[in-house]
N, C-alpha and C. Protein backbone atom coordinates (compact mmCIF):
# COMPACT_ATOMS: atom_id res chain seq x y z
N MET A 1 -49.69 158.05 21.15
CA MET A 1 -50.54 158.87 21.97
C MET A 1 -50.64 158.27 23.36
N LYS A 2 -50.42 159.07 24.37
CA LYS A 2 -50.44 158.61 25.74
C LYS A 2 -51.88 158.49 26.23
N SER A 3 -52.18 157.36 26.91
CA SER A 3 -53.55 157.18 27.41
C SER A 3 -53.75 157.99 28.69
N LYS A 4 -54.99 158.34 28.93
CA LYS A 4 -55.35 159.14 30.08
C LYS A 4 -55.33 158.28 31.35
N ASN A 5 -54.81 158.83 32.42
CA ASN A 5 -54.71 158.13 33.70
C ASN A 5 -55.94 158.48 34.57
N ILE A 6 -57.09 157.97 34.18
CA ILE A 6 -58.35 158.32 34.84
C ILE A 6 -58.33 157.93 36.31
N VAL A 7 -57.96 156.69 36.60
CA VAL A 7 -57.98 156.20 37.98
C VAL A 7 -57.02 157.00 38.84
N GLY A 8 -55.81 157.20 38.37
CA GLY A 8 -54.83 157.96 39.14
C GLY A 8 -55.27 159.39 39.40
N GLU A 9 -55.83 160.02 38.36
CA GLU A 9 -56.32 161.39 38.53
C GLU A 9 -57.46 161.45 39.53
N ASN A 10 -58.34 160.45 39.50
CA ASN A 10 -59.45 160.42 40.45
C ASN A 10 -58.96 160.18 41.87
N ILE A 11 -58.01 159.28 42.03
CA ILE A 11 -57.46 159.04 43.38
C ILE A 11 -56.91 160.35 43.93
N ARG A 12 -56.10 161.04 43.11
CA ARG A 12 -55.51 162.31 43.56
C ARG A 12 -56.60 163.34 43.90
N LYS A 13 -57.57 163.48 42.99
CA LYS A 13 -58.64 164.48 43.19
C LYS A 13 -59.41 164.20 44.47
N PHE A 14 -59.84 162.96 44.67
CA PHE A 14 -60.64 162.64 45.86
C PHE A 14 -59.79 162.66 47.13
N ARG A 15 -58.53 162.26 47.02
CA ARG A 15 -57.62 162.31 48.18
C ARG A 15 -57.44 163.75 48.64
N LEU A 16 -57.18 164.63 47.68
CA LEU A 16 -56.98 166.04 48.03
C LEU A 16 -58.26 166.67 48.57
N SER A 17 -59.40 166.32 47.98
CA SER A 17 -60.65 166.89 48.48
C SER A 17 -60.97 166.39 49.89
N ALA A 18 -60.43 165.22 50.25
CA ALA A 18 -60.61 164.69 51.61
C ALA A 18 -59.56 165.27 52.57
N GLY A 19 -58.63 166.07 52.02
CA GLY A 19 -57.60 166.68 52.86
C GLY A 19 -56.53 165.71 53.30
N LEU A 20 -56.28 164.67 52.50
CA LEU A 20 -55.30 163.65 52.86
C LEU A 20 -54.03 163.78 52.01
N THR A 21 -52.91 163.50 52.63
CA THR A 21 -51.66 163.38 51.89
C THR A 21 -51.58 161.95 51.34
N GLN A 22 -50.66 161.72 50.43
CA GLN A 22 -50.45 160.36 49.95
C GLN A 22 -50.08 159.45 51.11
N GLU A 23 -49.26 159.94 51.99
CA GLU A 23 -48.82 159.14 53.14
C GLU A 23 -50.00 158.78 54.05
N ALA A 24 -50.88 159.74 54.31
CA ALA A 24 -52.03 159.48 55.17
C ALA A 24 -52.96 158.45 54.53
N LEU A 25 -53.22 158.59 53.22
CA LEU A 25 -54.06 157.62 52.53
C LEU A 25 -53.41 156.24 52.55
N ALA A 26 -52.11 156.20 52.34
CA ALA A 26 -51.39 154.93 52.36
C ALA A 26 -51.49 154.27 53.73
N ASN A 27 -51.26 155.03 54.79
CA ASN A 27 -51.33 154.47 56.14
C ASN A 27 -52.72 153.94 56.45
N ARG A 28 -53.73 154.68 56.09
CA ARG A 28 -55.11 154.27 56.38
C ARG A 28 -55.53 153.05 55.57
N SER A 29 -55.05 152.95 54.34
CA SER A 29 -55.47 151.87 53.45
C SER A 29 -54.59 150.63 53.55
N GLY A 30 -53.47 150.75 54.25
CA GLY A 30 -52.56 149.62 54.36
C GLY A 30 -51.68 149.42 53.14
N LEU A 31 -51.61 150.44 52.29
CA LEU A 31 -50.76 150.41 51.11
C LEU A 31 -49.56 151.30 51.35
N SER A 32 -48.57 151.24 50.48
CA SER A 32 -47.40 152.10 50.66
C SER A 32 -47.62 153.46 49.99
N GLN A 33 -46.93 154.46 50.50
CA GLN A 33 -47.01 155.80 49.91
C GLN A 33 -46.48 155.75 48.48
N GLY A 34 -45.44 154.98 48.24
CA GLY A 34 -44.89 154.85 46.89
C GLY A 34 -45.90 154.27 45.91
N TYR A 35 -46.66 153.30 46.37
CA TYR A 35 -47.68 152.69 45.52
C TYR A 35 -48.77 153.70 45.17
N ILE A 36 -49.22 154.47 46.17
CA ILE A 36 -50.22 155.52 45.93
C ILE A 36 -49.67 156.51 44.91
N ASN A 37 -48.42 156.91 45.10
CA ASN A 37 -47.78 157.86 44.18
C ASN A 37 -47.73 157.30 42.76
N GLN A 38 -47.36 156.04 42.62
CA GLN A 38 -47.26 155.42 41.30
C GLN A 38 -48.65 155.29 40.65
N LEU A 39 -49.68 155.00 41.44
CA LEU A 39 -51.04 154.95 40.90
C LEU A 39 -51.45 156.32 40.37
N GLU A 40 -51.23 157.34 41.20
CA GLU A 40 -51.63 158.68 40.81
C GLU A 40 -50.90 159.17 39.57
N ASN A 41 -49.68 158.72 39.39
CA ASN A 41 -48.88 159.17 38.24
C ASN A 41 -48.94 158.21 37.06
N GLY A 42 -49.79 157.18 37.15
CA GLY A 42 -49.97 156.26 36.04
C GLY A 42 -48.78 155.36 35.78
N LYS A 43 -47.94 155.15 36.77
CA LYS A 43 -46.75 154.32 36.60
C LYS A 43 -46.95 152.89 37.08
N ARG A 44 -48.14 152.64 37.63
CA ARG A 44 -48.42 151.30 38.14
C ARG A 44 -49.90 151.00 37.95
N ASN A 45 -50.21 149.76 37.68
CA ASN A 45 -51.60 149.35 37.53
C ASN A 45 -52.22 149.07 38.90
N PHE A 46 -53.50 149.25 38.98
CA PHE A 46 -54.21 148.99 40.22
C PHE A 46 -54.75 147.57 40.23
N THR A 47 -55.09 147.10 41.42
CA THR A 47 -55.79 145.83 41.57
C THR A 47 -57.15 146.14 42.18
N GLN A 48 -58.04 145.17 42.09
CA GLN A 48 -59.36 145.35 42.69
C GLN A 48 -59.22 145.59 44.18
N LYS A 49 -58.36 144.83 44.82
CA LYS A 49 -58.18 144.94 46.27
C LYS A 49 -57.64 146.33 46.65
N SER A 50 -56.67 146.84 45.90
CA SER A 50 -56.12 148.16 46.24
C SER A 50 -57.17 149.25 46.03
N LEU A 51 -57.97 149.16 44.97
CA LEU A 51 -59.02 150.15 44.76
C LEU A 51 -60.09 150.07 45.84
N GLU A 52 -60.41 148.86 46.28
CA GLU A 52 -61.38 148.70 47.37
C GLU A 52 -60.87 149.39 48.63
N ARG A 53 -59.60 149.19 48.93
CA ARG A 53 -59.01 149.80 50.13
C ARG A 53 -59.01 151.33 50.03
N ILE A 54 -58.59 151.84 48.89
CA ILE A 54 -58.53 153.29 48.69
C ILE A 54 -59.93 153.89 48.74
N ALA A 55 -60.86 153.29 48.03
CA ALA A 55 -62.24 153.79 48.02
C ALA A 55 -62.83 153.76 49.42
N GLY A 56 -62.55 152.71 50.16
CA GLY A 56 -63.05 152.61 51.53
C GLY A 56 -62.54 153.74 52.40
N GLU A 57 -61.29 154.06 52.27
CA GLU A 57 -60.71 155.15 53.08
C GLU A 57 -61.18 156.52 52.62
N LEU A 58 -61.54 156.62 51.34
CA LEU A 58 -62.08 157.88 50.82
C LEU A 58 -63.60 157.94 50.99
N GLN A 59 -64.17 156.89 51.59
CA GLN A 59 -65.60 156.79 51.88
C GLN A 59 -66.45 156.98 50.62
N MET A 60 -66.16 156.16 49.62
CA MET A 60 -66.91 156.23 48.36
C MET A 60 -66.96 154.85 47.74
N ASP A 61 -67.85 154.70 46.78
CA ASP A 61 -67.91 153.46 46.03
C ASP A 61 -66.72 153.39 45.07
N MET A 62 -66.20 152.18 44.92
CA MET A 62 -65.01 151.99 44.10
C MET A 62 -65.20 152.46 42.66
N TYR A 63 -66.39 152.29 42.11
CA TYR A 63 -66.60 152.64 40.71
C TYR A 63 -66.32 154.11 40.43
N ARG A 64 -66.45 154.97 41.45
CA ARG A 64 -66.19 156.40 41.24
C ARG A 64 -64.73 156.65 40.87
N LEU A 65 -63.84 155.77 41.31
CA LEU A 65 -62.43 155.93 40.97
C LEU A 65 -62.17 155.57 39.51
N LEU A 66 -63.09 154.84 38.91
CA LEU A 66 -62.91 154.38 37.52
C LEU A 66 -63.56 155.29 36.49
N MET A 67 -64.39 156.21 36.93
CA MET A 67 -65.19 157.02 36.01
C MET A 67 -64.49 158.31 35.61
N ASP A 68 -64.74 158.72 34.39
CA ASP A 68 -64.21 159.96 33.86
C ASP A 68 -65.37 160.91 33.65
N GLY A 69 -65.39 162.01 34.38
CA GLY A 69 -66.47 162.97 34.20
C GLY A 69 -66.64 163.88 35.40
N GLU A 70 -67.45 164.89 35.19
CA GLU A 70 -67.74 165.87 36.23
C GLU A 70 -68.77 165.30 37.19
N VAL A 71 -68.47 165.30 38.47
CA VAL A 71 -69.39 164.76 39.46
C VAL A 71 -70.54 165.74 39.66
N ALA A 72 -71.73 165.20 39.70
CA ALA A 72 -72.93 166.02 39.88
C ALA A 72 -73.66 165.58 41.13
N ASP A 73 -74.39 166.48 41.73
CA ASP A 73 -75.22 166.16 42.87
C ASP A 73 -76.64 165.99 42.38
N VAL A 74 -76.93 164.87 41.78
CA VAL A 74 -78.25 164.62 41.22
C VAL A 74 -78.77 163.32 41.82
N THR A 75 -79.96 163.36 42.31
CA THR A 75 -80.61 162.17 42.85
C THR A 75 -81.76 161.81 41.92
N LEU A 76 -81.84 160.55 41.57
CA LEU A 76 -82.90 160.08 40.69
C LEU A 76 -83.95 159.38 41.54
N LEU A 77 -85.20 159.69 41.31
CA LEU A 77 -86.29 159.05 42.02
C LEU A 77 -87.13 158.30 40.99
N VAL A 78 -87.09 156.98 41.05
CA VAL A 78 -87.81 156.16 40.09
C VAL A 78 -88.58 155.10 40.87
N ASP A 79 -89.90 155.05 40.66
CA ASP A 79 -90.74 154.06 41.32
C ASP A 79 -90.46 153.99 42.82
N GLU A 80 -90.35 155.13 43.46
CA GLU A 80 -90.12 155.26 44.89
C GLU A 80 -88.78 154.72 45.35
N SER A 81 -87.89 154.41 44.43
CA SER A 81 -86.53 154.01 44.77
C SER A 81 -85.61 155.16 44.42
N VAL A 82 -84.61 155.39 45.25
CA VAL A 82 -83.69 156.50 45.02
C VAL A 82 -82.40 155.95 44.43
N PHE A 83 -81.98 156.56 43.35
CA PHE A 83 -80.72 156.21 42.71
C PHE A 83 -79.88 157.48 42.61
N PHE A 84 -78.59 157.33 42.57
CA PHE A 84 -77.71 158.48 42.47
C PHE A 84 -77.01 158.46 41.13
N CYS A 85 -77.05 159.59 40.46
CA CYS A 85 -76.34 159.76 39.20
C CYS A 85 -75.10 160.58 39.54
N GLU A 86 -73.93 159.99 39.44
CA GLU A 86 -72.71 160.62 39.93
C GLU A 86 -72.10 161.63 38.96
N PHE A 87 -72.33 161.45 37.67
CA PHE A 87 -71.65 162.29 36.71
C PHE A 87 -72.65 163.08 35.89
N LYS A 88 -72.49 164.40 35.91
CA LYS A 88 -73.45 165.30 35.30
C LYS A 88 -73.71 164.98 33.84
N LYS A 89 -72.66 164.72 33.08
CA LYS A 89 -72.86 164.46 31.65
C LYS A 89 -73.72 163.22 31.42
N ASP A 90 -73.63 162.23 32.32
CA ASP A 90 -74.45 161.04 32.19
C ASP A 90 -75.88 161.31 32.67
N CYS A 91 -76.02 162.09 33.74
CA CYS A 91 -77.36 162.43 34.24
C CYS A 91 -78.14 163.18 33.18
N ASP A 92 -77.47 164.07 32.47
CA ASP A 92 -78.14 164.87 31.45
C ASP A 92 -78.73 163.99 30.35
N LEU A 93 -78.14 162.82 30.12
CA LEU A 93 -78.65 161.91 29.09
C LEU A 93 -80.00 161.34 29.49
N TYR A 94 -80.29 161.33 30.79
CA TYR A 94 -81.50 160.68 31.29
C TYR A 94 -82.46 161.66 31.93
N THR A 95 -82.58 162.82 31.31
CA THR A 95 -83.53 163.82 31.77
C THR A 95 -84.64 163.90 30.74
N ASN A 96 -85.85 163.73 31.20
CA ASN A 96 -87.00 163.77 30.30
C ASN A 96 -88.07 164.63 30.96
N GLU A 97 -88.39 165.74 30.33
CA GLU A 97 -89.39 166.68 30.85
C GLU A 97 -89.07 167.09 32.28
N GLY A 98 -87.79 167.34 32.54
CA GLY A 98 -87.37 167.82 33.86
C GLY A 98 -87.25 166.74 34.92
N LYS A 99 -87.56 165.48 34.56
CA LYS A 99 -87.47 164.38 35.51
C LYS A 99 -86.29 163.49 35.12
N HIS A 100 -85.59 163.00 36.12
CA HIS A 100 -84.46 162.11 35.88
C HIS A 100 -84.94 160.66 35.94
N THR A 101 -84.44 159.86 35.03
CA THR A 101 -84.76 158.43 35.03
C THR A 101 -83.45 157.66 34.90
N ILE A 102 -83.44 156.44 35.42
CA ILE A 102 -82.24 155.63 35.26
C ILE A 102 -82.20 155.08 33.84
N PRO A 103 -81.00 154.76 33.34
CA PRO A 103 -80.91 154.28 31.97
C PRO A 103 -81.52 152.89 31.82
N THR A 104 -82.03 152.63 30.65
CA THR A 104 -82.47 151.29 30.30
C THR A 104 -81.24 150.42 30.12
N LEU A 105 -81.43 149.13 29.96
CA LEU A 105 -80.30 148.25 29.70
C LEU A 105 -79.56 148.70 28.44
N GLU A 106 -80.30 149.09 27.42
CA GLU A 106 -79.68 149.56 26.18
C GLU A 106 -78.88 150.85 26.44
N GLY A 107 -79.44 151.73 27.27
CA GLY A 107 -78.73 152.96 27.61
C GLY A 107 -77.46 152.67 28.39
N PHE A 108 -77.53 151.70 29.28
CA PHE A 108 -76.35 151.31 30.06
C PHE A 108 -75.27 150.75 29.15
N ILE A 109 -75.67 149.92 28.21
CA ILE A 109 -74.71 149.34 27.26
C ILE A 109 -74.08 150.46 26.42
N THR A 110 -74.87 151.44 26.04
CA THR A 110 -74.35 152.58 25.29
C THR A 110 -73.30 153.32 26.10
N LEU A 111 -73.57 153.50 27.40
CA LEU A 111 -72.58 154.15 28.27
C LEU A 111 -71.29 153.34 28.33
N LEU A 112 -71.42 152.02 28.46
CA LEU A 112 -70.23 151.16 28.51
C LEU A 112 -69.42 151.26 27.22
N GLU A 113 -70.12 151.33 26.10
CA GLU A 113 -69.43 151.41 24.81
C GLU A 113 -68.63 152.69 24.65
N LYS A 114 -68.98 153.72 25.40
CA LYS A 114 -68.28 155.00 25.32
C LYS A 114 -67.01 155.04 26.17
N LEU A 115 -66.84 154.06 27.05
CA LEU A 115 -65.67 154.04 27.92
C LEU A 115 -64.42 153.69 27.11
N PRO A 116 -63.26 154.23 27.52
CA PRO A 116 -62.01 153.80 26.88
C PRO A 116 -61.82 152.29 27.07
N LYS A 117 -61.21 151.63 26.10
CA LYS A 117 -61.09 150.17 26.13
C LYS A 117 -60.37 149.67 27.38
N GLU A 118 -59.34 150.37 27.85
CA GLU A 118 -58.62 149.89 29.03
C GLU A 118 -59.49 149.94 30.28
N ILE A 119 -60.36 150.94 30.37
CA ILE A 119 -61.27 151.04 31.52
C ILE A 119 -62.36 149.98 31.39
N LEU A 120 -62.89 149.80 30.20
CA LEU A 120 -63.92 148.78 29.97
C LEU A 120 -63.37 147.39 30.31
N GLY A 121 -62.13 147.13 29.93
CA GLY A 121 -61.49 145.85 30.25
C GLY A 121 -61.36 145.64 31.75
N ARG A 122 -61.04 146.69 32.47
CA ARG A 122 -60.92 146.57 33.93
C ARG A 122 -62.28 146.36 34.57
N TYR A 123 -63.31 147.04 34.07
CA TYR A 123 -64.67 146.81 34.57
C TYR A 123 -65.05 145.35 34.38
N TYR A 124 -64.75 144.83 33.19
CA TYR A 124 -65.08 143.45 32.90
C TYR A 124 -64.39 142.51 33.89
N LYS A 125 -63.10 142.74 34.13
CA LYS A 125 -62.36 141.91 35.09
C LYS A 125 -62.99 141.99 36.48
N LEU A 126 -63.33 143.20 36.91
CA LEU A 126 -63.92 143.36 38.23
C LEU A 126 -65.25 142.62 38.34
N LEU A 127 -66.06 142.70 37.29
CA LEU A 127 -67.34 142.00 37.30
C LEU A 127 -67.15 140.49 37.34
N VAL A 128 -66.21 139.98 36.56
CA VAL A 128 -65.95 138.54 36.56
C VAL A 128 -65.45 138.10 37.93
N PHE A 129 -64.51 138.85 38.51
CA PHE A 129 -63.99 138.49 39.82
C PHE A 129 -65.08 138.54 40.88
N GLU A 130 -65.92 139.56 40.80
CA GLU A 130 -67.00 139.67 41.78
C GLU A 130 -68.00 138.54 41.64
N LYS A 131 -68.33 138.20 40.41
CA LYS A 131 -69.31 137.13 40.18
C LYS A 131 -68.79 135.78 40.70
N HIS A 132 -67.52 135.52 40.49
CA HIS A 132 -66.96 134.22 40.84
C HIS A 132 -66.27 134.23 42.20
N GLY A 133 -66.24 135.36 42.87
CA GLY A 133 -65.62 135.43 44.19
C GLY A 133 -64.12 135.20 44.16
N VAL A 134 -63.50 135.56 43.06
CA VAL A 134 -62.06 135.36 42.90
C VAL A 134 -61.36 136.68 43.18
N GLU A 135 -60.29 136.64 43.95
CA GLU A 135 -59.53 137.85 44.21
C GLU A 135 -58.45 138.01 43.16
N GLU A 136 -58.30 139.26 42.71
CA GLU A 136 -57.26 139.57 41.73
C GLU A 136 -55.93 139.61 42.47
N GLY A 137 -54.90 139.14 41.87
CA GLY A 137 -53.63 139.19 42.58
C GLY A 137 -52.56 139.08 41.65
């Protein structure tokens, strides 16, 4: 069974919604057009640095490239702090009496457990690299 190319599909979706060609995204991010093409088609693995560059040029947080789901325009207001819930299916999990709340630690862990193993493994690597200030290469 072939695994789903979530990151590549997201790069393509957000690139097209920004009105960019692969070449334009490559030029802006300092990556090659061939590399962008291979990412979108699932023929090459991404690095933290390449995703940071791509996300920066698409003007979004890098984690959005890693997520699988329908993007929703939902803002969460909790204790006078504003949080954004990016994916409708996840926001719906945290609706109580018409009010949105952020997930508890247990809820967050439940969300992580639902991720495909290859995506969860990449999240783990990104967190370890970020914590220790190590660049992936």
